[in-house]
Amino acid sequence: MNWPRFGLMEIEMAKAKRRHQTGNTVTTPSWFGSHESMVVDHSEVQIGGQDVLLSEDQVLCKDDNGYYITEKKKLDSGIADPNRYSNRRYR
C-alpha cells in the first residue's frame, strides 16, 4: 500500500490545530438570540463608571459574556441577534 509520507512540517501543523473547547454551557435560552429574560434595567448598571444611555427602541441585555445593547424588536424574534455575537461588549 502506498501511504502518503508525512514530514516534520505536516506533523507540526497537525499538532498545532486548535481543539474545540468542551465543558462550556449556555445559561441563556439560546446560543445567539436575544430574549426578554436577558434584559436588565439599564438605570441600575454602570459601565466604566458611567450610566448607560439608551434610546426608546433599545434595551440592555446580559449573557454569559457580559452586557450588550440591542433593539427591542430583536427580542424573542427566533433569529440570531448580531448585537449579541458582535465584539462590542460592555463589562
C-alpha atoms as a PDB file:
ATOM      1  CA  MET A   1       0.000   0.000   0.000  1.00  0.00           C
ATOM      2  CA  ASN A   2       1.258   3.468  -0.822  1.00  0.00           C
ATOM      3  CA  TRP A   3       0.512   5.647   2.172  1.00  0.00           C
ATOM      4  CA  PRO A   4       1.444   9.306   1.912  1.00  0.00           C
ATOM      5  CA  ARG A   5       4.536  10.179   3.858  1.00  0.00           C
ATOM      6  CA  PHE A   6       4.259  12.987   6.323  1.00  0.00           C
ATOM      7  CA  GLY A   7       7.262  15.110   7.039  1.00  0.00           C
ATOM      8  CA  LEU A   8       8.110  17.187  10.066  1.00  0.00           C
ATOM      9  CA  MET A   9       6.172  20.195   8.778  1.00  0.00           C
ATOM     10  CA  GLU A  10       2.902  18.262   8.349  1.00  0.00           C
ATOM     11  CA  ILE A  11       3.243  16.673  11.781  1.00  0.00           C
ATOM     12  CA  GLU A  12       3.791  20.076  13.425  1.00  0.00           C
ATOM     13  CA  MET A  13       0.770  21.517  11.592  1.00  0.00           C
ATOM     14  CA  ALA A  14      -1.395  18.652  12.834  1.00  0.00           C
ATOM     15  CA  LYS A  15      -0.245  19.222  16.408  1.00  0.00           C
ATOM     16  CA  ALA A  16      -0.860  22.963  16.187  1.00  0.00           C
ATOM     17  CA  LYS A  17      -4.574  22.656  15.338  1.00  0.00           C
ATOM     18  CA  ARG A  18      -6.805  24.296  17.880  1.00  0.00           C
ATOM     19  CA  ARG A  19      -9.145  21.939  19.582  1.00  0.00           C
ATOM     20  CA  HIS A  20     -12.776  22.638  20.337  1.00  0.00           C
ATOM     21  CA  GLN A  21     -13.359  23.664  23.924  1.00  0.00           C
ATOM     22  CA  THR A  22     -15.675  21.366  25.777  1.00  0.00           C
ATOM     23  CA  GLY A  23     -17.493  21.981  29.005  1.00  0.00           C
ATOM     24  CA  ASN A  24     -18.892  25.388  28.042  1.00  0.00           C
ATOM     25  CA  THR A  25     -22.574  25.584  28.845  1.00  0.00           C
ATOM     26  CA  VAL A  26     -25.003  28.269  27.814  1.00  0.00           C
ATOM     27  CA  THR A  27     -27.159  29.622  30.631  1.00  0.00           C
ATOM     28  CA  THR A  28     -29.435  31.644  28.333  1.00  0.00           C
ATOM     29  CA  PRO A  29     -32.478  30.372  26.381  1.00  0.00           C
ATOM     30  CA  SER A  30     -30.484  30.147  23.112  1.00  0.00           C
ATOM     31  CA  TRP A  31     -26.932  30.478  21.793  1.00  0.00           C
ATOM     32  CA  PHE A  32     -27.329  33.524  19.534  1.00  0.00           C
ATOM     33  CA  GLY A  33     -30.764  35.073  20.036  1.00  0.00           C
ATOM     34  CA  SER A  34     -31.758  37.810  22.471  1.00  0.00           C
ATOM     35  CA  HIS A  35     -34.657  37.141  24.827  1.00  0.00           C
ATOM     36  CA  GLU A  36     -36.831  39.095  27.218  1.00  0.00           C
ATOM     37  CA  SER A  37     -35.378  37.145  30.152  1.00  0.00           C
ATOM     38  CA  MET A  38     -31.922  38.577  29.366  1.00  0.00           C
ATOM     39  CA  VAL A  39     -32.983  42.240  29.637  1.00  0.00           C
ATOM     40  CA  VAL A  40     -31.606  44.151  32.629  1.00  0.00           C
ATOM     41  CA  ASP A  41     -32.590  47.566  33.966  1.00  0.00           C
ATOM     42  CA  HIS A  42     -30.072  49.977  32.465  1.00  0.00           C
ATOM     43  CA  SER A  43     -30.609  52.511  35.257  1.00  0.00           C
ATOM     44  CA  GLU A  44     -29.056  50.080  37.759  1.00  0.00           C
ATOM     45  CA  VAL A  45     -25.940  49.330  35.685  1.00  0.00           C
ATOM     46  CA  GLN A  46     -22.833  51.470  35.370  1.00  0.00           C
ATOM     47  CA  ILE A  47     -20.231  50.574  32.771  1.00  0.00           C
ATOM     48  CA  GLY A  48     -16.846  52.178  33.158  1.00  0.00           C
ATOM     49  CA  GLY A  49     -18.221  54.332  35.965  1.00  0.00           C
ATOM     50  CA  GLN A  50     -20.835  55.914  33.706  1.00  0.00           C
ATOM     51  CA  ASP A  51     -24.571  55.374  33.361  1.00  0.00           C
ATOM     52  CA  VAL A  52     -25.835  53.549  30.287  1.00  0.00           C
ATOM     53  CA  LEU A  53     -27.880  55.785  27.979  1.00  0.00           C
ATOM     54  CA  LEU A  54     -30.344  54.124  25.615  1.00  0.00           C
ATOM     55  CA  SER A  55     -32.853  55.341  23.056  1.00  0.00           C
ATOM     56  CA  GLU A  56     -36.533  54.366  23.241  1.00  0.00           C
ATOM     57  CA  ASP A  57     -36.137  51.304  20.996  1.00  0.00           C
ATOM     58  CA  GLN A  58     -33.006  49.907  22.705  1.00  0.00           C
ATOM     59  CA  VAL A  59     -32.553  47.578  25.696  1.00  0.00           C
ATOM     60  CA  LEU A  60     -29.552  46.420  27.712  1.00  0.00           C
ATOM     61  CA  CYS A  61     -29.121  42.640  27.842  1.00  0.00           C
ATOM     62  CA  LYS A  62     -26.744  40.417  29.793  1.00  0.00           C
ATOM     63  CA  ASP A  63     -25.481  36.968  28.856  1.00  0.00           C
ATOM     64  CA  ASP A  64     -22.502  34.797  29.843  1.00  0.00           C
ATOM     65  CA  ASN A  65     -20.032  37.144  28.097  1.00  0.00           C
ATOM     66  CA  GLY A  66     -21.228  40.434  29.584  1.00  0.00           C
ATOM     67  CA  TYR A  67     -23.590  43.243  28.639  1.00  0.00           C
ATOM     68  CA  TYR A  68     -24.657  44.313  25.167  1.00  0.00           C
ATOM     69  CA  ILE A  69     -27.166  46.769  23.721  1.00  0.00           C
ATOM     70  CA  THR A  70     -29.760  45.586  21.237  1.00  0.00           C
ATOM     71  CA  GLU A  71     -33.079  46.691  19.787  1.00  0.00           C
ATOM     72  CA  LYS A  72     -36.437  45.755  21.309  1.00  0.00           C
ATOM     73  CA  LYS A  73     -37.648  44.310  18.008  1.00  0.00           C
ATOM     74  CA  LYS A  74     -34.867  41.673  18.130  1.00  0.00           C
ATOM     75  CA  LEU A  75     -36.080  40.193  21.425  1.00  0.00           C
ATOM     76  CA  ASP A  76     -37.670  36.734  21.101  1.00  0.00           C
ATOM     77  CA  SER A  77     -37.672  37.027  17.300  1.00  0.00           C
ATOM     78  CA  GLY A  78     -36.420  33.497  16.695  1.00  0.00           C
ATOM     79  CA  ILE A  79     -33.384  34.663  14.707  1.00  0.00           C
ATOM     80  CA  ALA A  80     -29.801  35.409  15.698  1.00  0.00           C
ATOM     81  CA  ASP A  81     -29.117  38.884  17.063  1.00  0.00           C
ATOM     82  CA  PRO A  82     -25.960  40.391  15.504  1.00  0.00           C
ATOM     83  CA  ASN A  83     -25.552  42.653  18.532  1.00  0.00           C
ATOM     84  CA  ARG A  84     -25.175  39.627  20.779  1.00  0.00           C
ATOM     85  CA  TYR A  85     -22.365  37.946  18.900  1.00  0.00           C
ATOM     86  CA  SER A  86     -20.505  41.138  17.941  1.00  0.00           C
ATOM     87  CA  ASN A  87     -17.271  42.202  19.581  1.00  0.00           C
ATOM     88  CA  ARG A  88     -18.795  45.369  21.040  1.00  0.00           C
ATOM     89  CA  ARG A  89     -19.334  44.243  24.603  1.00  0.00           C
ATOM     90  CA  TYR A  90     -19.521  46.058  27.926  1.00  0.00           C
ATOM     91  CA  ARG A  91     -18.148  44.642  31.163  1.00  0.00           C
END
